[in-house]
Amino acid sequence: MTPRLKFLALAAAPALLAAAVPVAAAQTPGPDTARTAIAGDVVPGLSAHAARTGSVAADKSISVAVSLAPRDRAALAAFVSQVSDPSSASYGHYLTKAQFAARFGRTAAEVAQVKDYLRSQGLSVGAVHSGNLLIDAKGTAAQLQKAFGTKLSTWKDSSTGRAFYANDSAPTLPASVASIVSDVSGLNNHAVRQHAAPAKVKPLNGPGGGYTPAQIKGGYNVPSSYTGSGQKIALLEFDGFQQSNITKYDNQYSLGSSAPTVKKVSGGSGALGDGQVEVELDIEVLNAIAPKADVTVFEGPNSDAGEVDTYQAIVDSGIPTTSISWGLSEAGRTSSNLSSVDAIFQQGAAEGLGFYAASGDSGSDDAGNGGTSVDYPASDPYVTGVGGTTLTVSSSNAWSKETAWSGGGGGKSSTFKIPSWQTSVQQSKGGGYRQVPDVSALANPSPGVSIYSQGSWGQVGGTSAAAPEWAAYAALYNQQAAAAGKANLGFANPTLYSAGGTGFHDITSGSNGAYSAAKGWDFTTGWGSYNAQTLTSKLLGN
């Protein structure tokens, strides 16, 4: 249940299950002193999987991110369905940040009501983010316990031995405020993003092994004119990087990429940790495929509140394409956290932003409990989930063959209903739920990709290599769309599914555990990997 990096070294709107939607429960009208619980805002199975060791120090300073439920979420889902559907007259007519706030955000009076309540409890209120759906606040543990009507305790995880703190029960708020609030991130630090060591083996192709930029671009038929020029890509990260490593990589392959911009969210990610390899992998893969795109690295704290704030900061930036290599099994999150992050992705989709997330490196058992489970946010209906393959290229760097990688995540969501754009490929094993992944790309550590990190060359794999491979393609597509006077790809899934498999390498062999690759869409590789030139031509209607 520990979050980890994903690497090894529209008629019917998508909906959360009713049980998983953390909207305050209906209550008999009464005085505003009555309090209502924010359903699902507590670590699942807390007492069953951890032992309470004490109380959080009363003066401990804690930051929280208070999520507000969108106004008329059904109308928001319907709007996203239309604006993302290439057959709709509304396709590509995205909202500005101000338009989104006016149409789907909470009103100024409602935001003021929440802020006033938080301040009345002694909390300091920070930013109110674009969309009027997220408010940052900070206070002591004692103030938070009073404000949210719960106790903060220290715990020790029974399986890992890790110490953490968490709210003993779901937070409560006065009924009038609870009707607006959907989640309070930061009341626990149970979910900490971690990763396995990168796979570094005997050199095969590049200076440290792994496929070079020329091999990746050749394998996916990326023309030399596709550079990402004029396009922007965001990376969500919970660690930092050293520019000297990126420069070494770029110089080795004569990429001529500009240094990425760094945006530190809520103080940033802190000192460099072992996640540095992940960040440098993400940047270098983007540079390999879209060397002229402008990359912005959003570095946030490794916490629930930090995650929510970092996703929101990316949406606030308006950057059209984001690659995500950090995730956690759906079962490892609170249902209210899933709903609050999902709302941010919905806002992004309404504003024409696309998110590409690694589907995980544990095959069909993302939770590691012997069953079948999928990774979030790849399983979100407003995110493009990217699975993993083993890519083979010829001596001339052309695509030769591709199979499903055994570690690539895939399967059915236990939280989200199947979205309308996916019903055309609905599988009997899906049971009416969101199916993952949507697409896939090179992920197997053998051959993996060549990278330079922490002062040495190596080859690294995992779906966290596949996610930036697809985000880079989205930037390449947007470059061609801009030249043709057409809209950005935005939330890509309805458009990608409308292609019916044209422009993809259909992968029909390999397995990720419970599922096997097959003709057409499948639970191991989705539609498959991209043929950049053919897929772009199809989507642009050429």
Protein backbone atom coordinates (compact mmCIF):
# COMPACT_ATOMS: atom_id res chain seq x y z
CA MET A 1 0.00 0.00 0.00
CA THR A 2 2.99 2.28 -0.43
CA PRO A 3 3.02 4.60 -3.46
CA ARG A 4 5.92 4.03 -5.80
CA LEU A 5 7.51 5.20 -8.99
CA LYS A 6 6.55 3.33 -12.13
CA PHE A 7 10.00 2.32 -13.33
CA LEU A 8 12.54 -0.50 -13.01
CA ALA A 9 16.44 0.21 -13.47
CA LEU A 10 -19.37 11.06 -24.34
CA ALA A 11 -22.88 10.66 -23.54
CA ALA A 12 -22.58 8.68 -20.37
CA ALA A 13 -20.08 10.45 -18.14
CA PRO A 14 -17.41 8.46 -16.29
CA ALA A 15 -18.41 8.14 -12.66
CA LEU A 16 -17.02 7.08 -9.35
CA LEU A 17 -18.93 4.35 -7.59
CA ALA A 18 -21.49 5.85 -5.28
CA ALA A 19 -19.71 4.34 -2.29
CA ALA A 20 -16.49 6.02 -3.28
CA VAL A 21 -17.77 9.56 -3.79
CA PRO A 22 -16.75 11.53 -0.70
CA VAL A 23 -19.65 13.95 -0.70
CA ALA A 24 -21.09 14.68 2.71
CA ALA A 25 -23.91 12.35 3.62
CA ALA A 26 -27.45 13.71 3.60
CA GLN A 27 -28.59 14.84 7.00
CA THR A 28 -31.81 16.02 8.57
CA PRO A 29 -31.83 19.84 8.56
CA GLY A 30 -30.79 21.30 11.87
CA PRO A 31 -28.69 24.02 13.44
CA ASP A 32 -25.30 24.71 11.87
CA THR A 33 -23.66 23.35 15.00
CA ALA A 34 -24.47 19.86 13.70
CA ARG A 35 -21.43 18.28 12.04
CA THR A 36 -21.25 16.02 9.01
CA ALA A 37 -18.49 13.55 8.18
CA ILE A 38 -16.54 13.77 4.92
CA ALA A 39 -17.15 10.19 3.85
CA GLY A 40 -14.15 8.13 2.79
CA ASP A 41 -11.58 10.60 4.13
CA VAL A 42 -9.73 8.10 6.32
CA VAL A 43 -6.97 5.57 5.57
CA PRO A 44 -8.72 2.30 4.61
CA GLY A 45 -8.24 -0.60 7.05
CA LEU A 46 -6.16 1.57 9.37
CA SER A 47 -6.53 -0.41 12.61
CA ALA A 48 -6.31 -3.73 10.77
CA HIS A 49 -2.95 -2.96 9.14
CA ALA A 50 -1.27 -0.69 11.69
CA ALA A 51 -0.86 -0.30 15.42
CA ARG A 52 -1.55 3.01 17.16
CA THR A 53 1.56 4.23 19.01
CA GLY A 54 0.45 7.56 20.44
CA SER A 55 -0.82 11.04 19.64
CA VAL A 56 0.59 13.63 17.26
CA ALA A 57 2.27 16.46 19.16
CA ALA A 58 -0.25 19.26 19.63
CA ASP A 59 2.14 21.91 18.27
CA LYS A 60 3.19 19.98 15.15
CA SER A 61 2.65 22.17 12.08
CA ILE A 62 0.71 20.46 9.28
CA SER A 63 -0.33 21.72 5.84
CA VAL A 64 -3.64 20.62 4.34
CA ALA A 65 -5.31 21.04 0.97
CA VAL A 66 -9.07 21.42 1.23
CA SER A 67 -10.85 20.25 -1.93
CA LEU A 68 -14.25 21.63 -2.84
CA ALA A 69 -16.75 19.63 -4.87
CA PRO A 70 -17.36 21.06 -8.36
CA ARG A 71 -20.71 22.66 -8.96
CA ASP A 72 -22.88 20.31 -11.04
CA ARG A 73 -20.33 17.57 -11.56
CA ALA A 74 -22.66 15.77 -13.98
CA ALA A 75 -22.75 18.85 -16.22
CA LEU A 76 -18.95 19.10 -15.99
CA ALA A 77 -18.58 15.47 -17.10
CA ALA A 78 -21.00 16.07 -19.98
CA PHE A 79 -19.05 19.14 -21.07
CA VAL A 80 -15.74 17.25 -21.04
CA SER A 81 -17.36 14.45 -23.03
CA GLN A 82 -18.41 16.90 -25.76
CA VAL A 83 -15.27 19.02 -25.90
CA SER A 84 -13.09 15.88 -26.14
CA ASP A 85 -15.21 14.05 -28.73
CA PRO A 86 -13.87 14.58 -32.27
CA SER A 87 -17.36 13.96 -33.68
CA SER A 88 -18.88 16.77 -31.58
CA ALA A 89 -19.32 20.35 -32.79
CA SER A 90 -17.85 21.40 -29.44
CA TYR A 91 -14.61 19.50 -30.00
CA GLY A 92 -11.56 21.55 -29.07
CA HIS A 93 -13.57 24.52 -27.74
CA TYR A 94 -11.94 24.39 -24.34
CA LEU A 95 -12.69 26.65 -21.39
CA THR A 96 -10.31 29.25 -20.02
CA LYS A 97 -9.47 29.10 -16.31
CA ALA A 98 -11.85 31.99 -15.64
CA GLN A 99 -14.65 30.34 -17.61
CA PHE A 100 -14.19 27.09 -15.73
CA ALA A 101 -14.33 28.84 -12.37
CA ALA A 102 -17.48 30.73 -13.34
CA ARG A 103 -19.23 27.65 -14.67
CA PHE A 104 -18.10 24.78 -12.44
CA GLY A 105 -16.11 26.24 -9.55
CA ARG A 106 -17.59 27.23 -6.21
CA THR A 107 -18.91 30.77 -5.95
CA ALA A 108 -16.92 33.53 -4.26
CA ALA A 109 -19.39 33.43 -1.39
CA GLU A 110 -18.94 29.68 -0.93
CA VAL A 111 -15.15 29.97 -1.01
CA ALA A 112 -15.35 32.78 1.54
CA GLN A 113 -17.54 30.59 3.75
CA VAL A 114 -14.93 27.83 3.84
CA LYS A 115 -12.06 30.27 4.35
CA ASP A 116 -13.90 32.02 7.17
CA TYR A 117 -14.51 28.72 8.91
CA LEU A 118 -10.87 27.67 8.64
CA ARG A 119 -9.69 31.01 10.00
CA SER A 120 -12.19 30.84 12.84
CA GLN A 121 -10.46 27.63 13.93
CA GLY A 122 -7.07 29.34 14.02
CA LEU A 123 -5.77 28.02 10.69
CA SER A 124 -3.84 30.24 8.30
CA VAL A 125 -5.37 30.18 4.83
CA GLY A 126 -3.09 30.18 1.80
CA ALA A 127 -3.84 30.11 -1.91
CA VAL A 128 -7.25 29.61 -3.48
CA HIS A 129 -6.37 27.90 -6.76
CA SER A 130 -7.83 28.45 -10.20
CA GLY A 131 -11.22 26.87 -10.59
CA ASN A 132 -12.20 27.80 -7.01
CA LEU A 133 -11.97 24.12 -6.04
CA LEU A 134 -8.87 23.97 -3.83
CA ILE A 135 -7.85 25.96 -0.76
CA ASP A 136 -4.51 25.58 1.03
CA ALA A 137 -4.36 25.96 4.79
CA LYS A 138 -1.95 25.34 7.64
CA GLY A 139 -2.15 24.92 11.38
CA THR A 140 -1.01 22.94 14.38
CA ALA A 141 -2.22 19.42 15.01
CA ALA A 142 -4.37 20.75 17.86
CA GLN A 143 -5.99 23.32 15.57
CA LEU A 144 -6.60 20.74 12.83
CA GLN A 145 -8.17 18.30 15.29
CA LYS A 146 -10.56 21.01 16.47
CA ALA A 147 -11.33 22.28 12.96
CA PHE A 148 -12.02 18.83 11.51
CA GLY A 149 -13.45 17.04 14.54
CA THR A 150 -11.03 14.13 14.53
CA LYS A 151 -7.99 12.90 16.44
CA LEU A 152 -4.53 12.68 14.87
CA SER A 153 -2.56 9.67 16.09
CA THR A 154 0.82 8.15 15.36
CA TRP A 155 0.82 4.67 13.88
CA LYS A 156 3.23 1.92 12.85
CA ASP A 157 2.55 -0.12 9.73
CA SER A 158 2.38 -3.81 10.64
CA SER A 159 3.98 -5.06 7.42
CA THR A 160 6.65 -2.44 6.72
CA GLY A 161 7.34 -1.10 10.21
CA ARG A 162 7.05 2.44 8.90
CA ALA A 163 5.87 5.12 11.33
CA PHE A 164 3.23 7.59 10.14
CA TYR A 165 0.40 9.74 11.43
CA ALA A 166 -3.26 9.64 10.46
CA ASN A 167 -6.69 10.82 11.49
CA ASP A 168 -8.43 8.10 13.55
CA SER A 169 -11.81 8.82 11.97
CA ALA A 170 -13.27 10.70 9.03
CA PRO A 171 -13.06 14.48 9.47
CA THR A 172 -16.25 16.34 10.26
CA LEU A 173 -17.36 19.87 9.50
CA PRO A 174 -20.42 22.00 10.19
CA ALA A 175 -23.12 20.81 7.80
CA SER A 176 -23.15 23.98 5.70
CA VAL A 177 -19.39 23.75 5.11
CA ALA A 178 -19.36 19.97 4.69
CA SER A 179 -21.82 20.28 1.80
CA ILE A 180 -19.08 22.09 -0.15
CA VAL A 181 -15.94 20.21 0.95
CA SER A 182 -15.09 16.84 -0.67
CA ASP A 183 -11.67 16.04 0.83
CA VAL A 184 -9.04 17.26 3.29
CA SER A 185 -5.62 16.08 2.13
CA GLY A 186 -2.81 16.18 4.67
CA LEU A 187 -4.50 14.75 7.74
CA ASN A 188 -2.36 11.65 7.21
CA ASN A 189 1.07 10.95 5.75
CA HIS A 190 0.47 7.23 5.28
CA ALA A 191 1.03 7.22 1.51
CA VAL A 192 4.68 8.05 0.76
CA ARG A 193 5.90 7.67 -2.81
CA GLN A 194 8.77 5.18 -3.09
CA HIS A 195 10.40 3.20 -5.88
CA ALA A 196 12.61 0.24 -6.61
CA ALA A 197 16.21 0.61 -7.72
CA PRO A 198 16.54 1.17 -11.48
CA ALA A 199 17.63 -1.75 -13.64
CA LYS A 200 21.16 -1.19 -14.92
CA VAL A 201 22.65 -4.03 -16.91
CA LYS A 202 25.45 -4.72 -19.36
CA PRO A 203 25.52 -2.12 -22.15
CA LEU A 204 23.68 -3.16 -25.29
CA ASN A 205 23.25 -0.10 -27.48
CA GLY A 206 23.89 3.32 -25.95
CA PRO A 207 26.82 4.38 -23.76
CA GLY A 208 25.17 2.61 -20.83
CA GLY A 209 22.88 0.23 -22.69
CA GLY A 210 19.27 0.80 -23.64
CA TYR A 211 17.73 2.31 -26.73
CA THR A 212 19.06 5.63 -27.98
CA PRO A 213 16.88 8.54 -29.15
CA ALA A 214 17.39 7.44 -32.77
CA GLN A 215 16.19 3.91 -31.98
CA ILE A 216 13.12 5.08 -30.07
CA LYS A 217 12.12 7.63 -32.73
CA GLY A 218 12.83 5.15 -35.50
CA GLY A 219 10.83 2.42 -33.81
CA TYR A 220 7.83 4.71 -33.47
CA ASN A 221 8.20 6.35 -36.90
CA VAL A 222 8.79 9.88 -35.67
CA PRO A 223 9.75 12.07 -38.68
CA SER A 224 12.70 14.43 -38.29
CA SER A 225 10.32 17.38 -38.71
CA TYR A 226 8.51 16.34 -35.50
CA THR A 227 10.55 18.07 -32.81
CA GLY A 228 7.97 19.51 -30.40
CA SER A 229 9.00 23.04 -31.30
CA GLY A 230 6.73 25.61 -29.69
CA GLN A 231 5.11 23.03 -27.39
CA LYS A 232 5.13 22.72 -23.61
CA ILE A 233 5.22 19.57 -21.48
CA ALA A 234 4.89 19.29 -17.69
CA LEU A 235 6.36 16.62 -15.43
CA LEU A 236 4.90 15.77 -12.03
CA GLU A 237 7.76 14.87 -9.68
CA PHE A 238 8.37 14.25 -5.98
CA ASP A 239 12.16 14.50 -6.21
CA GLY A 240 14.73 16.68 -7.93
CA PHE A 241 17.47 16.36 -10.56
CA GLN A 242 20.89 17.70 -11.51
CA GLN A 243 21.06 19.64 -14.74
CA SER A 244 24.62 18.42 -15.33
CA ASN A 245 23.23 14.91 -15.93
CA ILE A 246 20.64 16.18 -18.40
CA THR A 247 23.29 18.20 -20.23
CA LYS A 248 25.55 15.15 -20.50
CA TYR A 249 22.70 13.15 -22.07
CA ASP A 250 21.70 15.92 -24.48
CA ASN A 251 25.28 16.49 -25.61
CA GLN A 252 25.88 12.76 -26.14
CA TYR A 253 22.98 12.58 -28.59
CA SER A 254 23.28 16.14 -29.99
CA LEU A 255 19.68 16.96 -29.03
CA GLY A 256 20.06 20.70 -28.48
CA SER A 257 17.31 20.75 -25.84
CA SER A 258 16.83 23.73 -23.55
CA ALA A 259 17.25 23.24 -19.81
CA PRO A 260 13.90 22.50 -18.15
CA THR A 261 12.17 25.07 -15.96
CA VAL A 262 11.63 24.05 -12.32
CA LYS A 263 8.48 25.03 -10.41
CA LYS A 264 8.61 24.20 -6.72
CA VAL A 265 5.15 23.62 -5.27
CA SER A 266 4.52 24.10 -1.55
CA GLY A 267 8.24 24.28 -0.85
CA GLY A 268 9.28 21.62 -3.35
CA SER A 269 10.40 18.03 -2.85
CA GLY A 270 13.27 18.64 -0.43
CA ALA A 271 16.80 17.27 -0.72
CA LEU A 272 17.72 14.96 -3.60
CA GLY A 273 16.71 11.36 -2.95
CA ASP A 274 16.72 8.09 -4.83
CA GLY A 275 13.84 9.38 -6.94
CA GLN A 276 16.39 11.52 -8.77
CA VAL A 277 16.81 8.71 -11.31
CA GLU A 278 13.09 8.89 -12.09
CA VAL A 279 13.13 12.64 -12.68
CA GLU A 280 16.18 12.43 -14.93
CA LEU A 281 14.67 9.50 -16.83
CA ASP A 282 11.48 11.49 -17.48
CA ILE A 283 13.33 14.58 -18.73
CA GLU A 284 15.73 12.64 -20.93
CA VAL A 285 12.98 10.55 -22.58
CA LEU A 286 11.06 13.73 -23.41
CA ASN A 287 14.23 15.27 -24.86
CA ALA A 288 14.92 12.11 -26.87
CA ILE A 289 11.58 12.24 -28.69
CA ALA A 290 10.57 15.92 -28.58
CA PRO A 291 13.93 17.69 -28.18
CA LYS A 292 12.63 21.21 -28.89
CA ALA A 293 9.66 21.13 -26.50
CA ASP A 294 9.81 23.32 -23.40
CA VAL A 295 9.76 21.10 -20.31
CA THR A 296 8.62 22.30 -16.88
CA VAL A 297 9.34 20.12 -13.87
CA PHE A 298 6.81 20.57 -11.05
CA GLU A 299 8.46 19.40 -7.82
CA GLY A 300 6.11 18.94 -4.88
CA PRO A 301 6.22 17.44 -1.38
CA ASN A 302 5.82 13.69 -1.15
CA SER A 303 2.46 13.79 0.63
CA ASP A 304 -1.25 13.67 -0.11
CA ALA A 305 -1.54 17.44 0.22
CA GLY A 306 1.62 17.90 -1.85
CA GLU A 307 0.25 15.66 -4.59
CA VAL A 308 -3.07 17.51 -4.80
CA ASP A 309 -1.32 20.89 -4.82
CA THR A 310 1.14 19.78 -7.50
CA TYR A 311 -1.56 18.48 -9.84
CA GLN A 312 -3.48 21.70 -9.31
CA ALA A 313 -0.38 23.79 -9.99
CA ILE A 314 0.03 22.00 -13.32
CA VAL A 315 -3.57 22.74 -14.26
CA ASP A 316 -3.13 26.35 -13.10
CA SER A 317 -0.13 26.63 -15.44
CA GLY A 318 -2.19 25.72 -18.50
CA ILE A 319 0.58 23.48 -19.87
CA PRO A 320 -1.27 21.21 -22.35
CA THR A 321 0.57 17.91 -21.82
CA THR A 322 1.70 16.22 -18.60
CA SER A 323 3.65 13.02 -17.97
CA ILE A 324 3.12 11.20 -14.64
CA SER A 325 5.40 8.39 -13.44
CA TRP A 326 4.32 8.27 -9.77
CA GLY A 327 1.30 6.33 -8.59
CA LEU A 328 -0.30 3.96 -6.14
CA SER A 329 -2.82 1.14 -6.26
CA GLU A 330 -6.40 2.35 -6.03
CA ALA A 331 -6.74 0.39 -2.79
CA GLY A 332 -3.88 2.37 -1.23
CA ARG A 333 -5.78 5.66 -1.36
CA THR A 334 -8.76 7.10 0.45
CA SER A 335 -11.85 7.35 -1.71
CA SER A 336 -12.09 11.09 -1.01
CA ASN A 337 -8.52 11.54 -2.27
CA LEU A 338 -9.44 9.73 -5.49
CA SER A 339 -12.41 12.02 -5.95
CA SER A 340 -10.45 15.22 -5.28
CA VAL A 341 -7.66 14.31 -7.72
CA ASP A 342 -10.23 13.18 -10.29
CA ALA A 343 -11.87 16.63 -10.08
CA ILE A 344 -8.52 18.26 -10.90
CA PHE A 345 -8.15 16.03 -13.96
CA GLN A 346 -11.69 16.95 -14.98
CA GLN A 347 -10.83 20.62 -14.75
CA GLY A 348 -7.75 19.98 -16.86
CA ALA A 349 -9.77 18.11 -19.49
CA ALA A 350 -12.31 20.94 -19.66
CA GLU A 351 -9.44 23.36 -20.27
CA GLY A 352 -7.80 21.21 -22.98
CA LEU A 353 -5.06 19.55 -20.95
CA GLY A 354 -3.92 15.94 -21.40
CA PHE A 355 -2.37 13.67 -18.75
CA TYR A 356 -0.36 10.49 -19.47
CA ALA A 357 0.25 8.20 -16.49
CA ALA A 358 2.32 5.04 -16.04
CA SER A 359 0.11 1.99 -15.47
CA GLY A 360 2.51 0.31 -13.02
CA ASP A 361 5.28 -2.26 -13.07
CA SER A 362 3.63 -5.07 -11.13
CA GLY A 363 1.60 -6.59 -13.94
CA SER A 364 -2.04 -7.30 -13.20
CA ASP A 365 -1.46 -7.25 -9.42
CA ASP A 366 -0.65 -3.61 -8.71
CA ALA A 367 -1.56 -3.87 -5.01
CA GLY A 368 0.69 -6.90 -4.58
CA ASN A 369 -1.94 -8.89 -2.69
CA GLY A 370 -2.26 -11.83 -5.06
CA GLY A 371 -5.36 -10.53 -6.83
CA THR A 372 -5.97 -8.20 -9.75
CA SER A 373 -5.77 -4.45 -9.29
CA VAL A 374 -4.77 -1.33 -11.19
CA ASP A 375 -2.72 1.76 -10.51
CA TYR A 376 -3.98 5.30 -9.99
CA PRO A 377 -3.94 7.85 -11.61
CA ALA A 378 -3.61 5.67 -14.74
CA SER A 379 -7.07 4.30 -13.97
CA ASP A 380 -8.71 7.73 -13.82
CA PRO A 381 -11.26 8.22 -16.62
CA TYR A 382 -9.71 11.62 -17.45
CA VAL A 383 -6.16 10.27 -17.76
CA THR A 384 -4.49 8.25 -20.52
CA GLY A 385 -3.09 5.13 -18.87
CA VAL A 386 0.15 3.95 -20.49
CA GLY A 387 1.14 0.28 -20.35
CA GLY A 388 4.44 -1.40 -21.17
CA THR A 389 5.92 -3.33 -24.10
CA THR A 390 9.10 -4.97 -25.28
CA LEU A 391 10.13 -3.17 -28.47
CA THR A 392 12.49 -4.61 -31.06
CA VAL A 393 13.91 -2.40 -33.81
CA SER A 394 15.82 -3.36 -36.93
CA SER A 395 19.40 -2.45 -37.80
CA SER A 396 17.98 0.61 -39.58
CA ASN A 397 16.07 1.58 -36.41
CA ALA A 398 12.67 0.69 -37.86
CA TRP A 399 9.90 -1.02 -35.87
CA SER A 400 10.40 -4.80 -36.12
CA LYS A 401 8.13 -6.35 -33.50
CA GLU A 402 6.57 -5.62 -30.13
CA THR A 403 5.14 -7.77 -27.35
CA ALA A 404 3.42 -7.06 -24.06
CA TRP A 405 5.85 -6.61 -21.17
CA SER A 406 5.12 -8.92 -18.24
CA GLY A 407 5.47 -6.08 -15.74
CA GLY A 408 3.10 -3.66 -17.46
CA GLY A 409 0.09 -2.76 -15.32
CA GLY A 410 -3.39 -3.42 -16.63
CA GLY A 411 -6.83 -4.64 -15.69
CA LYS A 412 -10.09 -3.17 -14.46
CA SER A 413 -10.70 -0.38 -11.99
CA SER A 414 -12.49 -1.16 -8.73
CA THR A 415 -13.56 2.48 -8.40
CA PHE A 416 -14.54 4.02 -11.73
CA LYS A 417 -17.36 2.96 -14.03
CA ILE A 418 -16.47 2.41 -17.67
CA PRO A 419 -16.57 5.74 -19.56
CA SER A 420 -18.69 6.10 -22.67
CA TRP A 421 -15.71 6.39 -25.01
CA GLN A 422 -14.46 2.96 -23.86
CA THR A 423 -17.68 0.97 -24.20
CA SER A 424 -16.84 0.11 -27.83
CA VAL A 425 -14.06 -2.16 -26.54
CA GLN A 426 -15.77 -3.25 -23.32
CA GLN A 427 -14.43 -6.62 -22.19
CA SER A 428 -16.42 -9.24 -20.29
CA LYS A 429 -13.66 -9.35 -17.67
CA GLY A 430 -14.09 -5.61 -17.17
CA GLY A 431 -17.43 -5.98 -15.44
CA GLY A 432 -18.57 -2.52 -16.46
CA TYR A 433 -15.59 -0.72 -14.95
CA ARG A 434 -12.85 1.47 -16.40
CA GLN A 435 -10.30 -0.64 -18.30
CA VAL A 436 -6.54 -0.02 -18.23
CA PRO A 437 -4.26 0.71 -20.06
CA ASP A 438 -5.38 2.84 -22.98
CA VAL A 439 -2.10 2.70 -24.91
CA SER A 440 1.45 1.44 -24.37
CA ALA A 441 5.09 1.91 -25.32
CA LEU A 442 8.62 0.62 -24.67
CA ALA A 443 9.03 -0.28 -20.97
CA ASN A 444 10.85 -3.60 -20.59
CA PRO A 445 14.22 -2.87 -18.90
CA SER A 446 15.77 -5.14 -21.53
CA PRO A 447 16.38 -3.28 -23.82
CA GLY A 448 15.08 -0.30 -21.83
CA VAL A 449 16.21 3.22 -22.63
CA SER A 450 19.67 4.74 -22.39
CA ILE A 451 19.89 7.47 -19.74
CA TYR A 452 22.55 9.39 -17.85
CA SER A 453 21.76 9.81 -14.15
CA GLN A 454 23.64 10.45 -10.94
CA GLY A 455 26.91 10.66 -12.83
CA SER A 456 26.78 7.44 -14.87
CA TRP A 457 25.18 5.84 -17.91
CA GLY A 458 22.64 3.09 -17.51
CA GLN A 459 19.59 1.47 -19.05
CA VAL A 460 16.27 1.86 -17.31
CA GLY A 461 12.81 0.48 -17.97
CA GLY A 462 9.32 0.51 -16.54
CA THR A 463 6.08 2.19 -17.51
CA SER A 464 7.59 5.42 -16.21
CA ALA A 465 9.61 5.35 -19.43
CA ALA A 466 6.46 4.64 -21.46
CA ALA A 467 4.46 7.58 -19.99
CA PRO A 468 6.89 10.29 -21.17
CA GLU A 469 7.18 8.47 -24.51
CA TRP A 470 3.47 9.12 -25.00
CA ALA A 471 3.53 12.64 -23.54
CA ALA A 472 6.29 13.44 -26.03
CA TYR A 473 4.09 12.13 -28.85
CA ALA A 474 1.23 14.39 -27.70
CA ALA A 475 3.57 17.38 -27.97
CA LEU A 476 4.61 16.27 -31.46
CA TYR A 477 0.95 15.96 -32.43
CA ASN A 478 0.15 19.40 -31.04
CA GLN A 479 2.99 20.84 -33.11
CA GLN A 480 1.42 19.40 -36.28
CA ALA A 481 -2.10 20.41 -35.19
CA ALA A 482 -0.99 24.01 -34.62
CA ALA A 483 0.55 24.11 -38.09
CA ALA A 484 -2.74 22.85 -39.51
CA GLY A 485 -4.82 25.35 -37.54
CA LYS A 486 -6.45 22.66 -35.45
CA ALA A 487 -7.01 22.19 -31.72
CA ASN A 488 -4.57 20.58 -29.31
CA LEU A 489 -5.12 16.93 -28.48
CA GLY A 490 -6.19 17.82 -24.94
CA PHE A 491 -7.76 14.89 -23.05
CA ALA A 492 -6.76 12.29 -25.61
CA ASN A 493 -8.77 9.16 -24.86
CA PRO A 494 -11.99 9.87 -26.81
CA THR A 495 -9.89 10.87 -29.83
CA LEU A 496 -7.53 7.90 -29.56
CA TYR A 497 -10.40 5.44 -29.24
CA SER A 498 -12.16 7.01 -32.22
CA ALA A 499 -9.18 6.01 -34.36
CA GLY A 500 -10.30 2.38 -34.02
CA GLY A 501 -6.74 1.07 -33.92
CA THR A 502 -5.48 2.94 -36.99
CA GLY A 503 -2.03 4.38 -36.35
CA PHE A 504 -1.19 1.88 -33.62
CA HIS A 505 1.07 -1.16 -33.51
CA ASP A 506 -1.46 -3.80 -32.48
CA ILE A 507 0.34 -6.04 -29.98
CA THR A 508 -1.04 -9.55 -29.90
CA SER A 509 1.46 -11.58 -27.85
CA GLY A 510 2.65 -11.49 -24.26
CA SER A 511 0.99 -11.37 -20.85
CA ASN A 512 1.04 -9.28 -17.67
CA GLY A 513 -0.14 -12.06 -15.39
CA ALA A 514 -3.92 -12.39 -15.38
CA TYR A 515 -4.34 -10.97 -18.88
CA SER A 516 -2.92 -11.73 -22.32
CA ALA A 517 -2.45 -9.53 -25.35
CA ALA A 518 -4.94 -10.03 -28.17
CA LYS A 519 -6.06 -8.48 -31.43
CA GLY A 520 -7.44 -4.98 -30.92
CA TRP A 521 -7.71 -3.41 -27.47
CA ASP A 522 -6.58 -5.57 -24.50
CA PHE A 523 -5.75 -5.33 -20.77
CA THR A 524 -1.98 -5.59 -21.35
CA THR A 525 -1.23 -2.91 -23.94
CA GLY A 526 -4.52 -1.14 -24.66
CA TRP A 527 -4.53 -0.17 -28.33
CA GLY A 528 -0.76 -0.65 -28.51
CA SER A 529 2.11 1.72 -29.26
CA TYR A 530 2.02 4.61 -31.71
CA ASN A 531 3.19 4.94 -35.29
CA ALA A 532 3.68 8.70 -35.03
CA GLN A 533 3.28 9.61 -38.67
CA THR A 534 0.29 7.34 -39.34
CA LEU A 535 -1.56 8.18 -36.11
CA THR A 536 -1.06 11.92 -36.55
CA SER A 537 -2.35 11.74 -40.11
CA LYS A 538 -5.42 9.79 -38.93
CA LEU A 539 -6.22 12.16 -36.07
CA LEU A 540 -5.77 15.26 -38.22
CA GLY A 541 -8.04 13.78 -40.88
CA ASN A 542 -5.38 13.79 -43.58
